[in-house]
Amino acid sequence: MSLAAFTPTGQAALVANGTSSNVAIPLTGTPTQVLLTNLGLIPVFVVLGTSNTAVATVATGMPILPGTSLPLVLSTNTYLAAITTGDPVSLRISAGT
């Protein structure tokens, strides 16, 4: 899947592991989408949320395979939560329009 005319407006990072953790999506430039890149060696499972109470699970999260990227539309979401099956994985979050 690819993004058409993606203009980055902000970046964030998150290290996911076996416990759900979340990060605020950078809102500089009023982004409408995010590009999530799994920099690790195992899948990471993500969900978008509207607050810092967003929780990802392996069962309900969208998987991002190792070394791949996933574009998502933000809508009203301002947080991203991620989890793995245990090992830590670095996730790069690029917000944009």
Protein backbone atom coordinates (compact mmCIF):
# COMPACT_ATOMS: atom_id res chain seq x y z
CA MET A 1 0.00 0.00 0.00
CA SER A 2 1.33 3.44 -0.79
CA LEU A 3 0.48 7.01 0.10
CA ALA A 4 -0.13 9.54 -2.64
CA ALA A 5 1.66 12.88 -2.21
CA PHE A 6 2.55 12.33 1.46
CA THR A 7 4.05 15.47 3.02
CA PRO A 8 5.66 14.75 6.42
CA THR A 9 4.79 17.20 9.19
CA GLY A 10 6.20 15.46 12.27
CA GLN A 11 7.92 12.35 13.58
CA ALA A 12 7.80 10.24 16.72
CA ALA A 13 9.17 6.90 17.82
CA LEU A 14 7.94 4.14 20.09
CA VAL A 15 9.62 0.99 21.37
CA ALA A 16 6.95 -1.68 21.65
CA ASN A 17 7.29 -4.84 23.71
CA GLY A 18 5.02 -7.41 25.38
CA THR A 19 3.10 -4.71 27.28
CA SER A 20 1.02 -2.16 25.39
CA SER A 21 2.54 1.32 25.31
CA ASN A 22 1.42 4.47 23.54
CA VAL A 23 2.71 7.76 22.21
CA ALA A 24 1.13 11.03 21.12
CA ILE A 25 1.08 11.52 17.36
CA PRO A 26 2.84 14.79 16.45
CA LEU A 27 0.10 17.22 15.43
CA THR A 28 2.31 19.94 13.90
CA GLY A 29 0.86 20.95 10.55
CA THR A 30 -2.51 19.27 11.26
CA PRO A 31 -1.68 15.81 9.85
CA THR A 32 -4.39 13.67 8.30
CA GLN A 33 -2.46 10.40 8.10
CA VAL A 34 0.46 8.52 9.58
CA LEU A 35 3.03 6.22 8.07
CA LEU A 36 4.10 3.57 10.57
CA THR A 37 7.37 1.71 9.95
CA ASN A 38 8.40 -1.44 11.82
CA LEU A 39 12.18 -1.28 12.26
CA GLY A 40 12.32 -4.60 14.14
CA LEU A 41 12.61 -8.29 13.38
CA ILE A 42 9.14 -9.40 14.53
CA PRO A 43 5.59 -8.11 13.88
CA VAL A 44 4.23 -5.20 15.89
CA PHE A 45 0.49 -4.73 16.47
CA VAL A 46 -0.93 -1.19 16.54
CA VAL A 47 -4.16 0.68 17.23
CA LEU A 48 -5.03 4.36 16.97
CA GLY A 49 -6.84 6.12 19.79
CA THR A 50 -8.11 9.49 20.92
CA SER A 51 -6.30 9.59 24.27
CA ASN A 52 -3.30 8.25 26.15
CA THR A 53 -5.48 5.38 27.35
CA ALA A 54 -5.26 3.68 23.92
CA VAL A 55 -4.30 0.02 24.38
CA ALA A 56 -3.06 -2.40 21.74
CA THR A 57 -3.36 -6.18 21.93
CA VAL A 58 -1.98 -8.86 19.65
CA ALA A 59 -5.56 -10.05 19.06
CA THR A 60 -7.06 -6.68 18.09
CA GLY A 61 -4.11 -4.67 16.76
CA MET A 62 -3.28 -4.15 13.08
CA PRO A 63 -0.07 -6.11 12.37
CA ILE A 64 2.93 -4.45 10.75
CA LEU A 65 5.40 -7.02 9.50
CA PRO A 66 9.16 -6.59 10.06
CA GLY A 67 10.78 -4.04 7.77
CA THR A 68 7.49 -2.81 6.32
CA SER A 69 5.37 0.34 6.57
CA LEU A 70 1.63 0.83 7.04
CA PRO A 71 -0.24 4.05 6.17
CA LEU A 72 -3.29 4.91 8.27
CA VAL A 73 -5.81 7.76 8.19
CA LEU A 74 -5.90 9.62 11.50
CA SER A 75 -9.51 10.91 11.58
CA THR A 76 -9.91 12.15 15.18
CA ASN A 77 -7.12 9.94 16.59
CA THR A 78 -4.19 11.57 18.35
CA TYR A 79 -2.43 8.58 19.94
CA LEU A 80 -0.88 5.34 18.76
CA ALA A 81 -0.59 2.21 20.92
CA ALA A 82 1.62 -0.75 20.04
CA ILE A 83 2.52 -4.20 21.39
CA THR A 84 4.60 -7.20 20.32
CA THR A 85 4.64 -10.83 21.39
CA GLY A 86 7.50 -10.00 23.77
CA ASP A 87 10.71 -8.83 22.16
CA PRO A 88 11.22 -5.07 21.81
CA VAL A 89 10.60 -3.49 18.41
CA SER A 90 11.28 0.10 17.32
CA LEU A 91 8.40 1.75 15.52
CA ARG A 92 8.80 5.00 13.54
CA ILE A 93 5.74 7.24 13.27
CA SER A 94 5.69 9.81 10.45
CA ALA A 95 2.68 12.12 10.54
CA GLY A 96 1.71 14.08 7.46
CA THR A 97 -0.85 15.36 5.03
